[in-house]
């Protein structure tokens, strides 16, 4: 069994180091190989673009959760894009972070009170400048179609855990369920049981990632319990920064030596979050060591480098281009046989 399992990896790795892709491989399949085999790729830090990757050097370039932002993230070389899922009035899955449309579109009011046809009239805007783009609110199907075979997509479910089955059904219909990562917060045994039942009902074929935060979980033992119950390929770990305290020196109770050992035994990735949250302290999810420290303070080693040194092999960031550039320049990235291809600049001009 071990020889059979290693052989595909051996030839895939040979293709990577020789600069040649295997027949039938796509960029997504190469990314998925690294996602599925964490222990073989501990020398490579994958980058997940938060809300599809709308920022660069502290400036918002694209409307968040837009297909234009996805295209930008693919061109930058990100392996994963994260987008947020809600429902329209008619029950259609749509891509939107807030429950209200006001901040990110030209419309006002609650997403769930708009039909899909009405949402088609809502133009996405670029946060900060309020530049109106030519893109409207996307459906989940449209977003998945845009990412298929090019990048993995992390669906941040803003609905109930039971809605995940419908999202995966859309991905299955497109033949790309294995390229989809869904996630849920876990904090005790009852929650594990609830989520495990929901995942079992969906019947596999996709990627599930637990989220564990150190406000409720204080050691690696819980992650080991989660691993036994759900066999994830990645676990998202959160080191809360509640106020103005100094930067974490250790990564908190979750980014421990035992956690790194548990990740190796379970063959799963440690996923860290460095993106900013509005009206929260810098590095709110990362012990203060977030994108602000990397970009605004020009200390990427103290942010992205710190988490890579503490075992993270996936970093979710608002600054995918800067993170990829720094990680690659400092030996944390291994090239792919199929690299991202540039795309034409997105149309972000104002609509008259």
Foldseek 3Di string as FASTA:
>chain_A
DVVVVCPVVVVQVVCFVVLHHDPPAFQLNNLLVCLQQVLVQLLAAAEEAEQLQQDALPAGNDQGVFLLSVQVLLQLFHAEYEWEWDAALVGFIWTDDDQFDPQFWPDTDGRNDHDPVRQQVTFGATGPVRQTFPDTIGTLLVSCVSPPRRHAYEYEYPDDLLCVLVSLVSCVVVVHQQSYEYEDEDQDDVRLVVNLVSVVVSPDPYAYEYEYECVRDQALVVVLVSCVRPLGQEYEYFDADQDDDDADPQQHRCLDPVNLVSCNVSSHAYEYEQEDDPPGAHSRRGRNQHPCCCRVVVCPCSHVVVVSVSGGSYYYYSHSNSSVVVCVVVSSHRDGSDGRDRDDNGGRHHDD
